[in-house]
Structures are given as C-alpha cells and as structure tokens.
Amino acid sequence: MTDEQKKWAFSRNQLGEALSSLGFPYELADTLAKQLGSPKAIDRMTSYLYQARPRNLETIVDEMLAICEEIAAWRRKKSSELASARYYEMRDEIFPWEPMSDDETDS
C-alpha cells in the first residue's frame, strides 16, 4: 500500500467513526470517501460531521455535494488561470511589447 493509499484509508476510517458516532452505518464512509476523492476532502467532511452533528442522511449528502462542488469550482478557476497565463505568454512571444520612447510619449 502506498503512502497516499494509507492516507486515504486513514481518512476514510476516521469518517466511518464519525458516521458511527452519529448513528449512521460505518460502511457509508466508503461511498462518501469515493465521491469526495481526496484525504483532504474526506477530512473536511469528517470535521463537518463532528461540528454540525447532522441528524439525517440528506443533510450529510448535501454537505458532501457542496464540498465536491467547491473543489470542482477551485479546479475550474485554476485551469482558467493557467490558460490565461499561457495565452498571455504566447501573445507576448508573437507580439513583443516594446515601451514607447520619450519622443513618442510627448506627441
């Protein structure tokens, strides 16, 4: 088992314990963890469970979906930033910017 797999399994187990403490099936942790995808997201869900102490499954699923959407929005933002940076790099390679001389600015 790799270090990343160990982190994921540890986080999933912590999520299972949080779910159990609220009266939900421990096995639900596997489904939620797979959907969340990363140890950081799983840990965030676990923290939510301990703090909010939701009483129904719908509330838990809503929070899981909210976490997933925030991650997706962050990824879209980063992708857009990278594409924008690359665009400006390419533009500057094709059309190098040259500062105007003092004579040109006086006109």
Protein backbone atom coordinates (compact mmCIF):
# COMPACT_ATOMS: atom_id res chain seq x y z
CA MET A 1 0.00 0.00 0.00
CA THR A 2 1.41 3.42 -0.98
CA ASP A 3 1.59 6.37 1.39
CA GLU A 4 -1.27 8.06 -0.48
CA GLN A 5 -3.43 4.95 -0.16
CA LYS A 6 -2.65 4.81 3.55
CA LYS A 7 -3.69 8.46 3.97
CA TRP A 8 -6.91 7.81 2.06
CA ALA A 9 -7.71 4.70 4.12
CA PHE A 10 -6.97 6.50 7.39
CA SER A 11 -9.23 9.41 6.43
CA ARG A 12 -11.99 7.03 5.31
CA ASN A 13 -11.76 5.18 8.64
CA GLN A 14 -11.99 8.46 10.56
CA LEU A 15 -15.07 9.33 8.51
CA GLY A 16 -16.56 5.93 9.35
CA GLU A 17 -16.02 6.53 13.05
CA ALA A 18 -17.67 9.95 12.82
CA LEU A 19 -20.65 8.45 11.00
CA SER A 20 -20.94 5.64 13.56
CA SER A 21 -20.87 8.12 16.43
CA LEU A 22 -23.93 9.79 14.87
CA GLY A 23 -25.79 6.51 14.42
CA PHE A 24 -25.17 6.05 10.70
CA PRO A 25 -23.66 2.90 9.16
CA TYR A 26 -19.86 2.81 9.22
CA GLU A 27 -19.92 1.41 5.67
CA LEU A 28 -21.38 4.68 4.38
CA ALA A 29 -17.88 6.13 4.80
CA ASP A 30 -16.60 4.14 1.82
CA THR A 31 -19.24 5.56 -0.51
CA LEU A 32 -18.76 9.13 0.73
CA ALA A 33 -14.95 8.85 0.58
CA LYS A 34 -15.01 7.59 -3.00
CA GLN A 35 -17.19 10.52 -4.03
CA LEU A 36 -15.08 13.07 -2.15
CA GLY A 37 -11.93 11.65 -3.68
CA SER A 38 -9.08 13.00 -1.57
CA PRO A 39 -7.99 12.68 2.06
CA LYS A 40 -8.28 16.46 2.48
CA ALA A 41 -11.92 16.46 1.30
CA ILE A 42 -12.70 13.40 3.43
CA ASP A 43 -11.17 15.10 6.48
CA ARG A 44 -13.25 18.18 5.77
CA MET A 45 -16.40 16.03 5.71
CA THR A 46 -15.38 14.36 8.96
CA SER A 47 -14.86 17.73 10.60
CA TYR A 48 -18.29 18.84 9.41
CA LEU A 49 -19.90 15.73 10.93
CA TYR A 50 -18.32 16.33 14.32
CA GLN A 51 -19.20 20.05 14.33
CA ALA A 52 -22.70 20.06 12.79
CA ARG A 53 -23.84 16.67 14.08
CA PRO A 54 -26.47 16.23 11.32
CA ARG A 55 -29.43 14.04 12.12
CA ASN A 56 -30.39 12.80 8.66
CA LEU A 57 -28.71 11.33 5.62
CA GLU A 58 -29.95 14.08 3.29
CA THR A 59 -28.02 16.72 5.23
CA ILE A 60 -24.86 14.63 5.05
CA VAL A 61 -25.24 14.11 1.30
CA ASP A 62 -25.93 17.83 0.77
CA GLU A 63 -22.69 18.72 2.56
CA MET A 64 -20.75 16.11 0.57
CA LEU A 65 -22.11 17.57 -2.67
CA ALA A 66 -21.23 21.11 -1.52
CA ILE A 67 -17.66 20.05 -0.78
CA CYS A 68 -17.40 18.35 -4.19
CA GLU A 69 -18.75 21.47 -5.94
CA GLU A 70 -16.29 23.75 -4.14
CA ILE A 71 -13.43 21.51 -5.23
CA ALA A 72 -14.71 21.48 -8.82
CA ALA A 73 -15.04 25.29 -8.80
CA TRP A 74 -11.48 25.63 -7.48
CA ARG A 75 -10.20 23.33 -10.23
CA ARG A 76 -12.07 25.33 -12.91
CA LYS A 77 -10.60 28.55 -11.55
CA LYS A 78 -7.05 27.17 -11.54
CA SER A 79 -7.50 25.79 -15.06
CA SER A 80 -8.74 29.17 -16.26
CA GLU A 81 -5.83 30.96 -14.61
CA LEU A 82 -3.34 28.61 -16.27
CA ALA A 83 -4.98 29.01 -19.67
CA SER A 84 -4.99 32.78 -19.29
CA ALA A 85 -1.32 32.84 -18.26
CA ARG A 86 -0.40 30.67 -21.25
CA TYR A 87 -2.40 32.90 -23.60
CA TYR A 88 -0.51 36.00 -22.44
CA GLU A 89 2.82 34.16 -22.75
CA MET A 90 2.02 33.20 -26.33
CA ARG A 91 0.75 36.70 -27.16
CA ASP A 92 3.92 38.27 -25.80
CA GLU A 93 6.05 35.83 -27.83
CA ILE A 94 4.22 36.74 -31.04
CA PHE A 95 3.78 40.45 -30.32
CA PRO A 96 6.62 41.50 -28.06
CA TRP A 97 5.82 44.59 -26.09
CA GLU A 98 8.17 47.48 -26.66
CA PRO A 99 7.96 50.53 -24.45
CA MET A 100 7.44 53.82 -26.21
CA SER A 101 10.40 56.17 -26.33
CA ASP A 102 10.24 59.60 -24.66
CA ASP A 103 9.86 61.22 -28.11
CA GLU A 104 6.71 59.15 -28.80
CA THR A 105 5.08 59.99 -25.47
CA ASP A 106 5.46 63.77 -25.97
CA SER A 107 3.17 63.80 -29.02
